[in-house]
């Protein structure tokens, strides 16, 4: 996790600091979720392409069902 430094001038209200910390935490979590979702999206796309693992499994099932 990246470390960020902030310099504050003047008075800061507790609620303002709390909101800022929550926002930063949520923003970092959301960014991580998006990144993981994109990685998963690419893996899923690869698995259903011709020659992908899901494609091969479905093809094998279809061949099996045709022989029965």
C-alpha atoms as a PDB file:
ATOM      1  CA  UNK A   1       0.000   0.000   0.000  1.00  0.00           C
ATOM      2  CA  UNK A   2       1.366   3.392  -0.980  1.00  0.00           C
ATOM      3  CA  UNK A   3       2.126   5.846   1.769  1.00  0.00           C
ATOM      4  CA  UNK A   4       0.847   9.386   1.366  1.00  0.00           C
ATOM      5  CA  UNK A   5       1.931  12.445   3.331  1.00  0.00           C
ATOM      6  CA  UNK A   6      -0.308  15.396   3.971  1.00  0.00           C
ATOM      7  CA  UNK A   7       0.591  18.721   5.473  1.00  0.00           C
ATOM      8  CA  UNK A   8      -2.237  20.530   7.202  1.00  0.00           C
ATOM      9  CA  UNK A   9      -2.313  24.209   7.978  1.00  0.00           C
ATOM     10  CA  UNK A  10      -4.629  25.814  10.488  1.00  0.00           C
ATOM     11  CA  UNK A  11      -7.278  24.068  12.525  1.00  0.00           C
ATOM     12  CA  UNK A  12      -8.818  20.839  11.343  1.00  0.00           C
ATOM     13  CA  UNK A  13     -12.068  19.431  12.640  1.00  0.00           C
ATOM     14  CA  UNK A  14     -12.136  15.834  13.784  1.00  0.00           C
ATOM     15  CA  UNK A  15     -15.051  15.038  11.460  1.00  0.00           C
ATOM     16  CA  UNK A  16     -13.163  16.445   8.493  1.00  0.00           C
ATOM     17  CA  UNK A  17     -10.145  14.267   9.209  1.00  0.00           C
ATOM     18  CA  UNK A  18     -12.374  11.223   9.706  1.00  0.00           C
ATOM     19  CA  UNK A  19     -14.146  11.816   6.382  1.00  0.00           C
ATOM     20  CA  UNK A  20     -10.834  12.297   4.566  1.00  0.00           C
ATOM     21  CA  UNK A  21      -9.378   9.081   5.989  1.00  0.00           C
ATOM     22  CA  UNK A  22     -12.515   7.106   5.103  1.00  0.00           C
ATOM     23  CA  UNK A  23     -12.495   8.546   1.590  1.00  0.00           C
ATOM     24  CA  UNK A  24      -8.851   7.629   1.039  1.00  0.00           C
ATOM     25  CA  UNK A  25      -9.410   4.124   2.378  1.00  0.00           C
ATOM     26  CA  UNK A  26     -12.467   3.572   0.203  1.00  0.00           C
ATOM     27  CA  UNK A  27     -10.747   5.036  -2.869  1.00  0.00           C
ATOM     28  CA  UNK A  28      -7.779   2.669  -2.423  1.00  0.00           C
ATOM     29  CA  UNK A  29     -10.095  -0.300  -1.874  1.00  0.00           C
ATOM     30  CA  UNK A  30     -12.124   0.574  -4.957  1.00  0.00           C
ATOM     31  CA  UNK A  31      -8.975   0.930  -7.059  1.00  0.00           C
ATOM     32  CA  UNK A  32      -7.789  -2.488  -5.881  1.00  0.00           C
ATOM     33  CA  UNK A  33     -11.186  -4.027  -6.607  1.00  0.00           C
ATOM     34  CA  UNK A  34     -11.224  -2.570 -10.111  1.00  0.00           C
ATOM     35  CA  UNK A  35      -7.720  -3.854 -10.796  1.00  0.00           C
ATOM     36  CA  UNK A  36      -8.603  -7.367  -9.588  1.00  0.00           C
ATOM     37  CA  UNK A  37     -11.837  -7.289 -11.612  1.00  0.00           C
ATOM     38  CA  UNK A  38      -9.926  -6.417 -14.784  1.00  0.00           C
ATOM     39  CA  UNK A  39      -7.473  -9.274 -14.192  1.00  0.00           C
ATOM     40  CA  UNK A  40     -10.373 -11.672 -13.640  1.00  0.00           C
ATOM     41  CA  UNK A  41     -12.115 -10.367 -16.766  1.00  0.00           C
ATOM     42  CA  UNK A  42      -9.068 -11.183 -18.883  1.00  0.00           C
ATOM     43  CA  UNK A  43      -8.758 -14.661 -17.353  1.00  0.00           C
ATOM     44  CA  UNK A  44     -12.426 -15.351 -18.051  1.00  0.00           C
ATOM     45  CA  UNK A  45     -12.136 -14.123 -21.625  1.00  0.00           C
ATOM     46  CA  UNK A  46      -9.132 -16.400 -22.157  1.00  0.00           C
ATOM     47  CA  UNK A  47     -10.955 -19.408 -20.705  1.00  0.00           C
ATOM     48  CA  UNK A  48     -13.895 -19.145 -23.114  1.00  0.00           C
ATOM     49  CA  UNK A  49     -11.827 -18.505 -26.241  1.00  0.00           C
ATOM     50  CA  UNK A  50     -11.247 -21.372 -28.613  1.00  0.00           C
ATOM     51  CA  UNK A  51      -8.614 -23.482 -26.873  1.00  0.00           C
ATOM     52  CA  UNK A  52      -9.332 -21.976 -23.443  1.00  0.00           C
ATOM     53  CA  UNK A  53     -10.012 -24.206 -20.432  1.00  0.00           C
ATOM     54  CA  UNK A  54     -13.788 -23.622 -20.324  1.00  0.00           C
ATOM     55  CA  UNK A  55     -14.055 -23.966 -24.082  1.00  0.00           C
ATOM     56  CA  UNK A  56     -12.184 -27.279 -23.977  1.00  0.00           C
ATOM     57  CA  UNK A  57     -14.311 -28.586 -21.086  1.00  0.00           C
ATOM     58  CA  UNK A  58     -17.561 -27.742 -22.871  1.00  0.00           C
ATOM     59  CA  UNK A  59     -16.244 -29.243 -26.102  1.00  0.00           C
ATOM     60  CA  UNK A  60     -15.353 -32.477 -24.284  1.00  0.00           C
ATOM     61  CA  UNK A  61     -18.823 -32.580 -22.700  1.00  0.00           C
ATOM     62  CA  UNK A  62     -20.479 -32.113 -26.098  1.00  0.00           C
ATOM     63  CA  UNK A  63     -18.365 -34.916 -27.584  1.00  0.00           C
ATOM     64  CA  UNK A  64     -19.248 -37.195 -24.664  1.00  0.00           C
ATOM     65  CA  UNK A  65     -22.961 -36.468 -25.000  1.00  0.00           C
ATOM     66  CA  UNK A  66     -22.859 -37.194 -28.737  1.00  0.00           C
ATOM     67  CA  UNK A  67     -21.364 -40.646 -28.133  1.00  0.00           C
ATOM     68  CA  UNK A  68     -23.994 -41.681 -25.562  1.00  0.00           C
END
